[in-house]
Amino acid sequence: MIADGLIAVDRHSPRWLNKAVYERARLFHDDFPRWNEYGPSDGPNKCRAFLFIADDRATIAGACAFEWMDWENAPHGWTMMWVWLAPAFRRHGILTRHWYTFRDMFGVGFYLEKPLSDAMAAFARKHSHVELNKLPTIQPEHLGQPLMQP
């Protein structure tokens, strides 16, 4: 555990934790998830995921994933690829509680992958995140990389 209610997951984590991240990526409708039930597909240092734990019974409220990106039009850096919370846990302060932990780990101005929902854009503005209209674009050769095979 990184912080109360936050579990870090990487390729060395137990398979069930990686599978929990993967299942939430699919719920988010990530068409090319760079995570599968065996862990990240881009190597141990390029992807990091986190599970949000909601209560003492260890209910998984959601997950998010970060990836190191080599951008064409901005400095290379960490990007929040997606974040998903189950509907019952939204607007309960879960992401807010961990936002500064993520900023400490990945830098104050980590990128947010587009498109952003209206709710996520408002959240980022409220928390003084990067200027949303100046987010970089992904390098073409990175798109659609196949998942790591077991």
Foldseek 3Di string as FASTA:
>chain_A
DLDVQKDKDALPDDLVVLQQQQVQCVVVVVVADQGHSNGGQPDRPFKMKMFGADDPVRDGQWMWMKGFAPFDPDHTFIETADIDGPPVCPPVCRCVVCVVVCCVVTNQAHHYDDDDDPVVVVVCVVVVYDDPVPGTDGDVVPPPDHHDDD
